[in-house]
Amino acid sequence: MRIDKDLVAASATPLVLGILATGPSYGYAIQKQISELSGGRLSWADGMLYPLLHRLEAGGHIEATWGASKGGRRRKVYAITGRGLGQLESRREQWSIVAEALHQVWRAAQVAPPPPLPAPARTAAS
């Protein structure tokens, strides 16, 4: 199943902040965890993740430091800040409201199907 671009974009910040709230990580590991959490249904290209990480860093929600991989190669490691934790909590509350409203709509649609469309108006010629 393809996830609409708008929904992916809307969920990107809380997903990344949520992952970083569990501990520091680097770009590739964040991408991999998103894919794993979604059962492979969400996969982000570098072109989506790194601009988001830069925006979050510029906004003070995360901070980046240079670290070394097990192989000795340098890479940026990202960690959530106190400001980022506040943003994560705000996004969590917002998503909870949206999710509850959607669940109510979907429950109502299952219980009471939409009314039938009105019959077309008859004209004098018909």
C-alpha atoms as a PDB file:
ATOM      1  CA  MET A   1       0.000   0.000   0.000  1.00  0.00           C
ATOM      2  CA  ARG A   2       1.280   3.442  -0.903  1.00  0.00           C
ATOM      3  CA  ILE A   3       1.042   6.069   1.836  1.00  0.00           C
ATOM      4  CA  ASP A   4       0.027   9.499   0.523  1.00  0.00           C
ATOM      5  CA  LYS A   5       2.808  12.061   0.453  1.00  0.00           C
ATOM      6  CA  ASP A   6       0.819  14.507   2.610  1.00  0.00           C
ATOM      7  CA  LEU A   7       0.351  11.920   5.354  1.00  0.00           C
ATOM      8  CA  VAL A   8       4.023  10.943   5.268  1.00  0.00           C
ATOM      9  CA  ALA A   9       5.040  14.596   5.536  1.00  0.00           C
ATOM     10  CA  ALA A  10       2.635  15.254   8.414  1.00  0.00           C
ATOM     11  CA  SER A  11       3.939  12.282  10.377  1.00  0.00           C
ATOM     12  CA  ALA A  12       7.641  12.875   9.722  1.00  0.00           C
ATOM     13  CA  THR A  13       8.424  15.220  12.619  1.00  0.00           C
ATOM     14  CA  PRO A  14       6.712  13.200  15.357  1.00  0.00           C
ATOM     15  CA  LEU A  15       8.239   9.980  14.021  1.00  0.00           C
ATOM     16  CA  VAL A  16      11.789  11.339  14.040  1.00  0.00           C
ATOM     17  CA  LEU A  17      11.401  13.078  17.405  1.00  0.00           C
ATOM     18  CA  GLY A  18       9.844   9.933  18.867  1.00  0.00           C
ATOM     19  CA  ILE A  19      12.727   7.795  17.659  1.00  0.00           C
ATOM     20  CA  LEU A  20      15.277  10.252  19.026  1.00  0.00           C
ATOM     21  CA  ALA A  21      13.431  10.380  22.359  1.00  0.00           C
ATOM     22  CA  THR A  22      14.537   6.754  22.830  1.00  0.00           C
ATOM     23  CA  GLY A  23      18.186   7.726  22.356  1.00  0.00           C
ATOM     24  CA  PRO A  24      20.655   9.365  19.958  1.00  0.00           C
ATOM     25  CA  SER A  25      20.833   7.967  16.440  1.00  0.00           C
ATOM     26  CA  TYR A  26      22.204   8.687  12.996  1.00  0.00           C
ATOM     27  CA  GLY A  27      20.368   9.171   9.693  1.00  0.00           C
ATOM     28  CA  TYR A  28      20.568   5.684   8.238  1.00  0.00           C
ATOM     29  CA  ALA A  29      19.509   4.100  11.549  1.00  0.00           C
ATOM     30  CA  ILE A  30      16.509   6.466  11.764  1.00  0.00           C
ATOM     31  CA  GLN A  31      15.442   5.505   8.221  1.00  0.00           C
ATOM     32  CA  LYS A  32      15.832   1.830   9.045  1.00  0.00           C
ATOM     33  CA  GLN A  33      13.808   2.128  12.261  1.00  0.00           C
ATOM     34  CA  ILE A  34      10.967   3.932  10.464  1.00  0.00           C
ATOM     35  CA  SER A  35      10.851   1.145   7.900  1.00  0.00           C
ATOM     36  CA  GLU A  36      10.872  -1.516  10.621  1.00  0.00           C
ATOM     37  CA  LEU A  37       8.200   0.216  12.725  1.00  0.00           C
ATOM     38  CA  SER A  38       5.901   0.404   9.695  1.00  0.00           C
ATOM     39  CA  GLY A  39       6.518  -3.146   8.543  1.00  0.00           C
ATOM     40  CA  GLY A  40       8.329  -1.800   5.500  1.00  0.00           C
ATOM     41  CA  ARG A  41       5.381   0.336   4.387  1.00  0.00           C
ATOM     42  CA  LEU A  42       7.176   3.609   5.096  1.00  0.00           C
ATOM     43  CA  SER A  43      10.551   4.083   3.527  1.00  0.00           C
ATOM     44  CA  TRP A  44      12.135   7.475   3.269  1.00  0.00           C
ATOM     45  CA  ALA A  45      14.756   8.610   0.830  1.00  0.00           C
ATOM     46  CA  ASP A  46      17.694  10.669   2.035  1.00  0.00           C
ATOM     47  CA  GLY A  47      16.087  13.638   0.292  1.00  0.00           C
ATOM     48  CA  MET A  48      13.251  13.573   2.792  1.00  0.00           C
ATOM     49  CA  LEU A  49      15.065  12.743   6.018  1.00  0.00           C
ATOM     50  CA  TYR A  50      18.109  15.012   5.945  1.00  0.00           C
ATOM     51  CA  PRO A  51      16.242  18.269   5.190  1.00  0.00           C
ATOM     52  CA  LEU A  52      13.901  17.407   8.090  1.00  0.00           C
ATOM     53  CA  LEU A  53      16.861  16.754  10.393  1.00  0.00           C
ATOM     54  CA  HIS A  54      18.380  20.092   9.376  1.00  0.00           C
ATOM     55  CA  ARG A  55      15.082  21.920  10.057  1.00  0.00           C
ATOM     56  CA  LEU A  56      14.733  20.247  13.456  1.00  0.00           C
ATOM     57  CA  GLU A  57      18.322  21.174  14.292  1.00  0.00           C
ATOM     58  CA  ALA A  58      17.829  24.793  13.163  1.00  0.00           C
ATOM     59  CA  GLY A  59      14.691  24.968  15.322  1.00  0.00           C
ATOM     60  CA  GLY A  60      16.550  23.733  18.382  1.00  0.00           C
ATOM     61  CA  HIS A  61      14.563  20.479  18.582  1.00  0.00           C
ATOM     62  CA  ILE A  62      17.582  18.247  18.022  1.00  0.00           C
ATOM     63  CA  GLU A  63      21.319  18.660  18.127  1.00  0.00           C
ATOM     64  CA  ALA A  64      23.925  16.968  15.989  1.00  0.00           C
ATOM     65  CA  THR A  65      27.420  15.925  16.894  1.00  0.00           C
ATOM     66  CA  TRP A  66      30.034  14.103  14.888  1.00  0.00           C
ATOM     67  CA  GLY A  67      30.672  10.534  15.921  1.00  0.00           C
ATOM     68  CA  ALA A  68      32.368   7.511  14.439  1.00  0.00           C
ATOM     69  CA  SER A  69      30.759   4.324  13.179  1.00  0.00           C
ATOM     70  CA  LYS A  70      32.078   0.905  14.197  1.00  0.00           C
ATOM     71  CA  GLY A  71      34.123   1.002  10.999  1.00  0.00           C
ATOM     72  CA  GLY A  72      35.661   4.335  12.017  1.00  0.00           C
ATOM     73  CA  ARG A  73      33.812   6.409   9.430  1.00  0.00           C
ATOM     74  CA  ARG A  74      32.543   9.811  10.639  1.00  0.00           C
ATOM     75  CA  ARG A  75      28.811  10.384  10.796  1.00  0.00           C
ATOM     76  CA  LYS A  76      26.430  12.813  12.420  1.00  0.00           C
ATOM     77  CA  VAL A  77      24.631  11.577  15.490  1.00  0.00           C
ATOM     78  CA  TYR A  78      21.358  13.299  16.350  1.00  0.00           C
ATOM     79  CA  ALA A  79      19.892  13.720  19.834  1.00  0.00           C
ATOM     80  CA  ILE A  80      16.621  15.274  20.970  1.00  0.00           C
ATOM     81  CA  THR A  81      16.765  18.429  23.101  1.00  0.00           C
ATOM     82  CA  GLY A  82      14.434  19.616  25.861  1.00  0.00           C
ATOM     83  CA  ARG A  83      12.718  21.827  23.306  1.00  0.00           C
ATOM     84  CA  GLY A  84      12.331  18.782  21.046  1.00  0.00           C
ATOM     85  CA  LEU A  85      10.729  16.783  23.871  1.00  0.00           C
ATOM     86  CA  GLY A  86       8.207  19.598  24.317  1.00  0.00           C
ATOM     87  CA  GLN A  87       7.502  19.595  20.579  1.00  0.00           C
ATOM     88  CA  LEU A  88       7.102  15.808  20.637  1.00  0.00           C
ATOM     89  CA  GLU A  89       4.532  16.031  23.437  1.00  0.00           C
ATOM     90  CA  SER A  90       2.639  18.751  21.557  1.00  0.00           C
ATOM     91  CA  ARG A  91       2.595  16.661  18.357  1.00  0.00           C
ATOM     92  CA  ARG A  92       1.497  13.584  20.320  1.00  0.00           C
ATOM     93  CA  GLU A  93      -1.477  15.491  21.720  1.00  0.00           C
ATOM     94  CA  GLN A  94      -2.384  16.817  18.263  1.00  0.00           C
ATOM     95  CA  TRP A  95      -2.165  13.351  16.676  1.00  0.00           C
ATOM     96  CA  SER A  96      -4.314  11.887  19.470  1.00  0.00           C
ATOM     97  CA  ILE A  97      -7.058  14.402  18.719  1.00  0.00           C
ATOM     98  CA  VAL A  98      -6.906  13.759  14.973  1.00  0.00           C
ATOM     99  CA  ALA A  99      -6.806   9.968  15.459  1.00  0.00           C
ATOM    100  CA  GLU A 100      -9.804  10.025  17.809  1.00  0.00           C
ATOM    101  CA  ALA A 101     -11.836  12.153  15.383  1.00  0.00           C
ATOM    102  CA  LEU A 102     -10.986   9.760  12.534  1.00  0.00           C
ATOM    103  CA  HIS A 103     -11.941   6.727  14.603  1.00  0.00           C
ATOM    104  CA  GLN A 104     -15.295   8.323  15.448  1.00  0.00           C
ATOM    105  CA  VAL A 105     -15.967   9.118  11.795  1.00  0.00           C
ATOM    106  CA  TRP A 106     -15.014   5.602  10.693  1.00  0.00           C
ATOM    107  CA  ARG A 107     -17.117   3.995  13.429  1.00  0.00           C
ATOM    108  CA  ALA A 108     -20.117   6.115  12.456  1.00  0.00           C
ATOM    109  CA  ALA A 109     -19.649   5.253   8.789  1.00  0.00           C
ATOM    110  CA  GLN A 110     -19.659   1.539   9.625  1.00  0.00           C
ATOM    111  CA  VAL A 111     -22.791   1.781  11.777  1.00  0.00           C
ATOM    112  CA  ALA A 112     -24.827   4.090   9.606  1.00  0.00           C
ATOM    113  CA  PRO A 113     -24.006   4.094   5.905  1.00  0.00           C
ATOM    114  CA  PRO A 114     -24.391   7.425   4.183  1.00  0.00           C
ATOM    115  CA  PRO A 115     -27.893   8.234   3.000  1.00  0.00           C
ATOM    116  CA  PRO A 116     -28.635   7.492  -0.643  1.00  0.00           C
ATOM    117  CA  LEU A 117     -28.164  10.253  -3.142  1.00  0.00           C
ATOM    118  CA  PRO A 118     -31.378  12.079  -4.022  1.00  0.00           C
ATOM    119  CA  ALA A 119     -33.053  11.124  -7.262  1.00  0.00           C
ATOM    120  CA  PRO A 120     -32.273  13.469 -10.147  1.00  0.00           C
ATOM    121  CA  ALA A 121     -34.792  16.286 -10.517  1.00  0.00           C
ATOM    122  CA  ARG A 122     -37.301  15.733 -13.287  1.00  0.00           C
ATOM    123  CA  THR A 123     -37.563  18.421 -15.888  1.00  0.00           C
ATOM    124  CA  ALA A 124     -40.594  19.334 -17.962  1.00  0.00           C
ATOM    125  CA  ALA A 125     -38.995  17.580 -20.957  1.00  0.00           C
ATOM    126  CA  SER A 126     -38.761  14.220 -19.139  1.00  0.00           C
END
